[in-house]
């Protein structure tokens, strides 16, 4: 697992949750990044942001332990019984 800090433009080495550390304007926070993507610039501090892997994670759709997600069908509406039914 990689350790150290990554800068905007670096490739994300491992899919997971990263700690984002900005230059003064924002508190440290966590973000999700996918392997192979590039870390982005911050809209406020530009390249003065860096990222550290907090927790590696796999994408659920790439985990062989899970099947494909299925759409949940809405429950069928029950017919109201009339006063003369049963």
N, C-alpha and C. Protein backbone atom coordinates (compact mmCIF):
# COMPACT_ATOMS: atom_id res chain seq x y z
N UNK A 1 0.85 -1.17 0.00
CA UNK A 1 0.00 0.00 0.00
C UNK A 1 0.90 1.24 0.00
N UNK A 2 0.60 2.20 -0.85
CA UNK A 2 1.46 3.39 -0.93
C UNK A 2 1.33 4.25 0.33
N UNK A 3 2.41 4.90 0.67
CA UNK A 3 2.34 5.87 1.75
C UNK A 3 2.99 7.16 1.28
N UNK A 4 2.72 8.23 1.96
CA UNK A 4 3.22 9.52 1.54
C UNK A 4 2.11 10.37 0.97
N UNK A 5 2.47 11.57 0.54
CA UNK A 5 1.52 12.54 0.03
C UNK A 5 1.58 12.61 -1.48
N UNK A 6 0.42 12.84 -2.10
CA UNK A 6 0.31 12.98 -3.55
C UNK A 6 -0.16 14.39 -3.87
N UNK A 7 0.24 14.87 -5.03
CA UNK A 7 -0.06 16.24 -5.45
C UNK A 7 -1.00 16.22 -6.65
N UNK A 8 -1.66 17.34 -6.94
CA UNK A 8 -2.50 17.42 -8.13
C UNK A 8 -1.70 17.03 -9.37
N UNK A 9 -2.32 16.23 -10.22
CA UNK A 9 -1.65 15.74 -11.43
C UNK A 9 -1.05 14.35 -11.26
N UNK A 10 -0.77 13.93 -10.01
CA UNK A 10 -0.27 12.57 -9.76
C UNK A 10 -1.40 11.57 -10.03
N UNK A 11 -1.04 10.39 -10.49
CA UNK A 11 -2.02 9.32 -10.69
C UNK A 11 -2.39 8.71 -9.34
N UNK A 12 -3.65 8.40 -9.17
CA UNK A 12 -4.13 7.74 -7.96
C UNK A 12 -3.61 6.30 -8.02
N UNK A 13 -2.78 5.89 -7.05
CA UNK A 13 -2.17 4.56 -7.11
C UNK A 13 -3.10 3.42 -6.68
N UNK A 14 -4.04 3.71 -5.78
CA UNK A 14 -4.92 2.69 -5.22
C UNK A 14 -6.29 3.32 -4.99
N UNK A 15 -7.35 2.63 -5.37
CA UNK A 15 -8.71 3.11 -5.11
C UNK A 15 -8.94 3.16 -3.61
N UNK A 16 -9.53 4.25 -3.14
CA UNK A 16 -9.83 4.33 -1.72
C UNK A 16 -10.20 5.72 -1.25
N UNK A 17 -10.16 5.88 0.05
CA UNK A 17 -10.47 7.14 0.70
C UNK A 17 -9.13 7.84 0.98
N UNK A 18 -9.03 9.09 0.55
CA UNK A 18 -7.82 9.88 0.74
C UNK A 18 -8.11 11.10 1.61
N UNK A 19 -7.14 11.46 2.43
CA UNK A 19 -7.21 12.69 3.19
C UNK A 19 -6.72 13.82 2.30
N UNK A 20 -7.52 14.86 2.16
CA UNK A 20 -7.14 16.03 1.37
C UNK A 20 -6.73 17.14 2.33
N UNK A 21 -5.54 17.68 2.12
CA UNK A 21 -4.99 18.72 2.98
C UNK A 21 -4.78 19.98 2.15
N UNK A 22 -5.57 21.02 2.44
CA UNK A 22 -5.54 22.27 1.67
C UNK A 22 -4.63 23.30 2.34
N UNK A 23 -4.29 24.32 1.56
CA UNK A 23 -3.47 25.43 2.05
C UNK A 23 -4.37 26.49 2.68
N UNK A 24 -4.62 26.38 3.95
CA UNK A 24 -5.27 27.38 4.81
C UNK A 24 -6.79 27.52 4.69
N UNK A 25 -7.37 27.53 3.52
CA UNK A 25 -8.77 27.94 3.40
C UNK A 25 -9.77 26.89 3.83
N UNK A 26 -9.36 25.64 3.97
CA UNK A 26 -10.32 24.57 4.29
C UNK A 26 -9.66 23.57 5.22
N UNK A 27 -10.46 23.00 6.12
CA UNK A 27 -9.95 21.97 7.03
C UNK A 27 -9.69 20.69 6.25
N UNK A 28 -8.84 19.84 6.79
CA UNK A 28 -8.58 18.53 6.21
C UNK A 28 -9.89 17.75 6.13
N UNK A 29 -10.09 17.05 5.01
CA UNK A 29 -11.31 16.25 4.84
C UNK A 29 -10.97 15.02 4.01
N UNK A 30 -11.92 14.09 3.92
CA UNK A 30 -11.71 12.85 3.17
C UNK A 30 -12.46 12.89 1.85
N UNK A 31 -11.83 12.27 0.85
CA UNK A 31 -12.41 12.18 -0.49
C UNK A 31 -12.19 10.77 -1.04
N UNK A 32 -13.02 10.36 -1.99
CA UNK A 32 -12.86 9.08 -2.67
C UNK A 32 -12.13 9.32 -3.99
N UNK A 33 -11.16 8.45 -4.30
CA UNK A 33 -10.45 8.53 -5.57
C UNK A 33 -10.26 7.12 -6.13
N UNK A 34 -10.40 6.98 -7.44
CA UNK A 34 -10.29 5.67 -8.10
C UNK A 34 -8.91 5.52 -8.75
N UNK A 35 -8.36 4.33 -8.63
CA UNK A 35 -7.04 4.02 -9.20
C UNK A 35 -6.98 4.42 -10.68
N UNK A 36 -5.89 5.09 -11.04
CA UNK A 36 -5.69 5.50 -12.43
C UNK A 36 -6.14 6.91 -12.73
N UNK A 37 -7.07 7.45 -11.93
CA UNK A 37 -7.47 8.85 -12.11
C UNK A 37 -6.32 9.75 -11.69
N UNK A 38 -6.43 11.03 -12.00
CA UNK A 38 -5.44 11.99 -11.54
C UNK A 38 -6.03 12.81 -10.40
N UNK A 39 -5.19 13.10 -9.39
CA UNK A 39 -5.63 13.97 -8.31
C UNK A 39 -5.85 15.37 -8.90
N UNK A 40 -6.94 16.03 -8.54
CA UNK A 40 -7.26 17.34 -9.13
C UNK A 40 -6.66 18.50 -8.35
N UNK A 41 -6.64 19.67 -9.00
CA UNK A 41 -6.33 20.92 -8.32
C UNK A 41 -7.54 21.29 -7.46
N UNK A 42 -7.32 22.14 -6.49
CA UNK A 42 -8.40 22.71 -5.70
C UNK A 42 -8.86 23.99 -6.39
N UNK A 43 -10.15 24.25 -6.40
CA UNK A 43 -10.68 25.47 -7.03
C UNK A 43 -10.24 26.74 -6.30
N UNK A 44 -9.92 26.60 -5.01
CA UNK A 44 -9.51 27.77 -4.22
C UNK A 44 -7.99 27.90 -4.12
N UNK A 45 -7.30 26.82 -3.77
CA UNK A 45 -5.86 26.92 -3.52
C UNK A 45 -5.01 26.30 -4.63
N UNK A 46 -5.65 25.92 -5.73
CA UNK A 46 -4.91 25.42 -6.90
C UNK A 46 -4.09 24.18 -6.60
N UNK A 47 -2.80 24.27 -6.80
CA UNK A 47 -1.91 23.11 -6.59
C UNK A 47 -1.44 23.00 -5.15
N UNK A 48 -1.91 23.90 -4.28
CA UNK A 48 -1.49 23.86 -2.88
C UNK A 48 -2.42 22.97 -2.06
N UNK A 49 -2.72 21.80 -2.59
CA UNK A 49 -3.49 20.77 -1.91
C UNK A 49 -2.72 19.47 -2.11
N UNK A 50 -2.77 18.58 -1.12
CA UNK A 50 -2.16 17.27 -1.29
C UNK A 50 -3.04 16.20 -0.67
N UNK A 51 -2.75 14.96 -1.02
CA UNK A 51 -3.62 13.84 -0.68
C UNK A 51 -2.80 12.69 -0.10
N UNK A 52 -3.35 12.02 0.91
CA UNK A 52 -2.70 10.84 1.48
C UNK A 52 -3.75 9.74 1.62
N UNK A 53 -3.35 8.51 1.30
CA UNK A 53 -4.28 7.39 1.41
C UNK A 53 -4.63 7.14 2.87
N UNK A 54 -5.91 7.20 3.18
CA UNK A 54 -6.40 6.93 4.53
C UNK A 54 -6.87 5.48 4.65
N UNK A 55 -7.55 4.99 3.59
CA UNK A 55 -8.11 3.64 3.62
C UNK A 55 -8.29 3.13 2.20
N UNK A 56 -7.57 2.07 1.86
CA UNK A 56 -7.77 1.44 0.54
C UNK A 56 -9.14 0.77 0.52
N UNK A 57 -9.77 0.77 -0.64
CA UNK A 57 -11.08 0.15 -0.78
C UNK A 57 -11.24 -0.34 -2.22
N UNK A 58 -12.00 -1.41 -2.38
CA UNK A 58 -12.26 -1.89 -3.74
C UNK A 58 -13.63 -1.38 -4.17
N UNK A 59 -13.79 -1.24 -5.47
CA UNK A 59 -15.09 -0.86 -6.01
C UNK A 59 -16.00 -2.08 -5.86
N UNK A 60 -17.19 -1.88 -5.39
CA UNK A 60 -18.10 -3.00 -5.16
C UNK A 60 -18.41 -3.75 -6.45
N UNK A 61 -18.47 -3.03 -7.58
CA UNK A 61 -18.77 -3.70 -8.84
C UNK A 61 -17.58 -4.49 -9.38
N UNK A 62 -16.41 -4.34 -8.77
CA UNK A 62 -15.23 -5.11 -9.18
C UNK A 62 -14.89 -6.20 -8.17
N UNK A 63 -15.64 -6.29 -7.07
CA UNK A 63 -15.41 -7.29 -6.03
C UNK A 63 -16.15 -8.56 -6.42
N UNK A 64 -15.40 -9.65 -6.60
CA UNK A 64 -16.00 -10.91 -7.06
C UNK A 64 -16.94 -11.53 -6.04
N UNK A 65 -16.95 -11.04 -4.81
CA UNK A 65 -17.84 -11.57 -3.79
C UNK A 65 -19.27 -11.07 -3.91
N UNK A 66 -19.49 -10.09 -4.80
CA UNK A 66 -20.82 -9.52 -4.97
C UNK A 66 -21.32 -9.77 -6.38
N UNK A 67 -22.64 -9.94 -6.49
CA UNK A 67 -23.26 -10.08 -7.80
C UNK A 67 -23.61 -8.71 -8.35
N UNK A 68 -24.22 -8.70 -9.50
CA UNK A 68 -24.66 -7.44 -10.09
C UNK A 68 -25.85 -6.91 -9.31
N UNK A 69 -25.90 -5.61 -9.18
CA UNK A 69 -27.02 -4.98 -8.50
C UNK A 69 -28.27 -5.14 -9.35
N UNK A 70 -29.39 -5.32 -8.69
CA UNK A 70 -30.66 -5.43 -9.40
C UNK A 70 -31.54 -4.26 -8.99
N UNK A 71 -32.39 -3.86 -9.89
CA UNK A 71 -33.32 -2.79 -9.57
C UNK A 71 -34.41 -3.34 -8.68
N UNK A 72 -34.77 -2.57 -7.69
CA UNK A 72 -35.86 -2.97 -6.80
C UNK A 72 -37.16 -2.51 -7.43
N UNK A 73 -38.05 -3.46 -7.62
CA UNK A 73 -39.34 -3.14 -8.22
C UNK A 73 -40.27 -2.62 -7.13
N UNK A 74 -41.03 -1.59 -7.44
CA UNK A 74 -41.98 -1.08 -6.44
C UNK A 74 -43.04 -2.13 -6.14
N UNK A 75 -43.51 -2.14 -4.91
CA UNK A 75 -44.54 -3.09 -4.52
C UNK A 75 -45.82 -2.83 -5.29
N UNK A 76 -46.52 -3.91 -5.63
CA UNK A 76 -47.79 -3.77 -6.33
C UNK A 76 -48.83 -3.22 -5.37
N UNK A 77 -49.68 -2.34 -5.89
CA UNK A 77 -50.74 -1.78 -5.06
C UNK A 77 -51.82 -2.84 -4.87
N UNK A 78 -52.27 -2.94 -3.64
CA UNK A 78 -53.35 -3.88 -3.35
C UNK A 78 -54.68 -3.26 -3.75
N UNK A 79 -55.54 -4.12 -4.26
CA UNK A 79 -56.89 -3.67 -4.59
C UNK A 79 -57.67 -3.54 -3.29
N UNK A 80 -58.41 -2.45 -3.17
CA UNK A 80 -59.23 -2.26 -2.00
C UNK A 80 -60.44 -3.19 -2.10
N UNK A 81 -60.74 -3.78 -0.95
CA UNK A 81 -61.94 -4.64 -0.91
C UNK A 81 -63.17 -3.76 -0.80
N UNK A 82 -64.17 -4.15 -1.55
CA UNK A 82 -65.43 -3.40 -1.44
C UNK A 82 -66.22 -3.96 -0.26
N UNK A 83 -67.21 -3.25 0.17
CA UNK A 83 -68.00 -3.65 1.34
C UNK A 83 -68.64 -5.01 1.18
N UNK A 84 -68.91 -5.43 -0.05
CA UNK A 84 -69.57 -6.71 -0.30
C UNK A 84 -68.61 -7.88 -0.39
N UNK A 85 -67.24 -7.63 -0.46
CA UNK A 85 -66.28 -8.74 -0.56
C UNK A 85 -66.07 -9.37 0.79
N UNK A 86 -65.84 -10.63 0.77
CA UNK A 86 -65.55 -11.40 1.79
C UNK A 86 -65.22 -11.72 3.01
